[in-house]
């Protein structure tokens, strides 16, 4: 059985699609601008300003970035931290999740509260709150 949409439901759906499309364009606009400016010469950016399409095509910015090993080392550190951090987080999460799933664990509720509390109020939030409180005094 197929339920027929009313014209109000259809118009709301169309309005949401239009808003979502406009939002996506606004989100993509800065990204495209950065890519375009990275493919332009510095003199054309200074002369014409930023545009969505490069006026004078150049790969000089990428040649400058990739000429030494700094970018490769930075990406290596990023990939290492991501892979090792994810593996360790999964290991700790699995090592904690199984015992907490057992009903007869002695301090189960206390440990669950600690895990839940630190998920809600992590250290960055606390640090930001303390720093912003000190700037107002």
Protein backbone atom coordinates (compact mmCIF):
# COMPACT_ATOMS: atom_id res chain seq x y z
CA UNK A 1 0.00 0.00 0.00
CA UNK A 2 1.40 3.35 -1.06
CA UNK A 3 0.59 6.41 1.06
CA UNK A 4 -0.04 9.49 -1.03
CA UNK A 5 1.65 12.68 0.17
CA UNK A 6 -0.43 15.78 0.61
CA UNK A 7 0.61 18.94 -1.19
CA UNK A 8 1.64 20.46 2.18
CA UNK A 9 4.02 17.59 2.89
CA UNK A 10 5.40 17.78 -0.62
CA UNK A 11 5.94 21.57 -0.40
CA UNK A 12 7.69 21.25 2.97
CA UNK A 13 9.94 18.54 1.55
CA UNK A 14 10.80 20.77 -1.44
CA UNK A 15 11.50 23.72 0.88
CA UNK A 16 13.84 21.57 2.98
CA UNK A 17 15.67 20.36 -0.12
CA UNK A 18 16.09 23.94 -1.34
CA UNK A 19 17.39 25.09 2.07
CA UNK A 20 19.74 22.12 2.26
CA UNK A 21 21.07 22.86 -1.23
CA UNK A 22 21.64 26.54 -0.39
CA UNK A 23 23.38 25.56 2.85
CA UNK A 24 25.60 23.08 0.98
CA UNK A 25 26.57 25.77 -1.55
CA UNK A 26 27.46 28.17 1.26
CA UNK A 27 29.57 25.45 2.89
CA UNK A 28 31.36 24.58 -0.36
CA UNK A 29 32.03 28.18 -1.37
CA UNK A 30 35.01 28.81 1.00
CA UNK A 31 36.52 25.42 0.18
CA UNK A 32 36.38 26.11 -3.57
CA UNK A 33 37.79 29.60 -2.98
CA UNK A 34 40.78 28.20 -1.09
CA UNK A 35 41.46 25.58 -3.77
CA UNK A 36 41.19 28.23 -6.48
CA UNK A 37 43.53 30.62 -4.70
CA UNK A 38 46.06 27.83 -4.16
CA UNK A 39 46.06 27.21 -7.91
CA UNK A 40 46.51 30.91 -8.75
CA UNK A 41 49.64 32.99 -8.84
CA UNK A 42 50.24 35.38 -5.99
CA UNK A 43 50.33 38.35 -8.34
CA UNK A 44 46.93 37.51 -9.86
CA UNK A 45 45.38 37.26 -6.39
CA UNK A 46 46.86 40.64 -5.45
CA UNK A 47 45.76 42.17 -8.77
CA UNK A 48 42.29 40.65 -9.23
CA UNK A 49 41.42 39.41 -5.74
CA UNK A 50 39.97 36.04 -4.88
CA UNK A 51 37.73 34.25 -7.35
CA UNK A 52 36.12 30.86 -7.80
CA UNK A 53 38.24 30.10 -10.86
CA UNK A 54 41.99 30.82 -11.02
CA UNK A 55 42.84 33.58 -13.53
CA UNK A 56 46.50 32.60 -13.90
CA UNK A 57 47.02 28.89 -13.24
CA UNK A 58 50.11 28.01 -11.21
CA UNK A 59 51.32 25.11 -9.09
CA UNK A 60 54.00 27.19 -7.31
CA UNK A 61 52.27 26.94 -3.93
CA UNK A 62 52.30 23.14 -4.09
CA UNK A 63 55.91 23.10 -5.29
CA UNK A 64 56.84 25.22 -2.27
CA UNK A 65 55.00 22.92 0.13
CA UNK A 66 56.36 19.65 -1.25
CA UNK A 67 59.97 20.74 -1.87
CA UNK A 68 61.16 19.64 1.58
CA UNK A 69 60.23 16.82 3.93
CA UNK A 70 58.26 18.93 6.44
CA UNK A 71 54.82 18.17 5.00
CA UNK A 72 55.58 14.47 4.72
CA UNK A 73 56.74 14.33 8.33
CA UNK A 74 53.64 16.24 9.46
CA UNK A 75 51.32 13.87 7.61
CA UNK A 76 53.27 10.91 9.03
CA UNK A 77 52.74 12.20 12.56
CA UNK A 78 49.05 12.83 11.83
CA UNK A 79 48.51 9.34 10.44
CA UNK A 80 50.49 7.73 13.31
CA UNK A 81 48.54 9.61 15.99
CA UNK A 82 45.24 8.75 14.29
CA UNK A 83 45.97 5.04 13.88
CA UNK A 84 47.61 4.50 17.28
CA UNK A 85 45.06 6.70 19.08
CA UNK A 86 42.16 4.85 17.50
CA UNK A 87 43.66 1.45 18.28
CA UNK A 88 44.36 2.39 21.91
CA UNK A 89 40.92 3.96 22.35
CA UNK A 90 39.28 0.81 20.98
CA UNK A 91 41.41 -1.37 23.24
CA UNK A 92 40.56 0.62 26.36
CA UNK A 93 36.89 0.88 25.42
CA UNK A 94 36.57 -2.85 24.83
CA UNK A 95 38.55 -3.67 27.97
CA UNK A 96 36.19 -1.46 30.00
CA UNK A 97 32.92 -2.29 28.23
CA UNK A 98 32.87 -6.02 28.82
CA UNK A 99 33.34 -5.94 32.60
CA UNK A 100 30.82 -3.10 32.90
CA UNK A 101 28.25 -5.20 31.08
CA UNK A 102 28.36 -7.79 33.86
CA UNK A 103 25.79 -7.22 36.63
CA UNK A 104 27.94 -8.68 39.42
CA UNK A 105 30.86 -6.24 39.06
CA UNK A 106 31.41 -4.65 42.46
CA UNK A 107 31.82 -0.93 41.63
CA UNK A 108 29.96 -1.04 38.34
CA UNK A 109 27.67 1.98 38.97
CA UNK A 110 30.54 4.14 40.24
CA UNK A 111 32.70 3.35 37.24
CA UNK A 112 29.77 3.93 34.87
CA UNK A 113 29.13 7.31 36.49
CA UNK A 114 32.81 8.25 36.11
CA UNK A 115 32.83 7.26 32.43
CA UNK A 116 29.54 9.05 31.73
CA UNK A 117 30.56 12.19 33.65
CA UNK A 118 33.88 12.47 31.82
CA UNK A 119 32.10 12.04 28.49
CA UNK A 120 29.83 14.97 29.28
CA UNK A 121 32.32 17.26 31.00
CA UNK A 122 35.72 16.59 29.53
CA UNK A 123 38.94 18.41 30.43
CA UNK A 124 38.83 20.93 27.60
CA UNK A 125 35.41 22.13 28.73
CA UNK A 126 36.62 22.46 32.30
CA UNK A 127 39.78 24.27 31.25
CA UNK A 128 37.80 26.65 29.02
CA UNK A 129 35.39 27.36 31.85
CA UNK A 130 38.21 28.07 34.31
CA UNK A 131 40.07 30.29 31.84
CA UNK A 132 36.98 32.26 30.88
CA UNK A 133 36.08 32.67 34.56
CA UNK A 134 39.54 34.11 35.24
CA UNK A 135 39.33 36.61 32.40
CA UNK A 136 36.16 38.21 33.80
CA UNK A 137 37.64 38.94 37.21
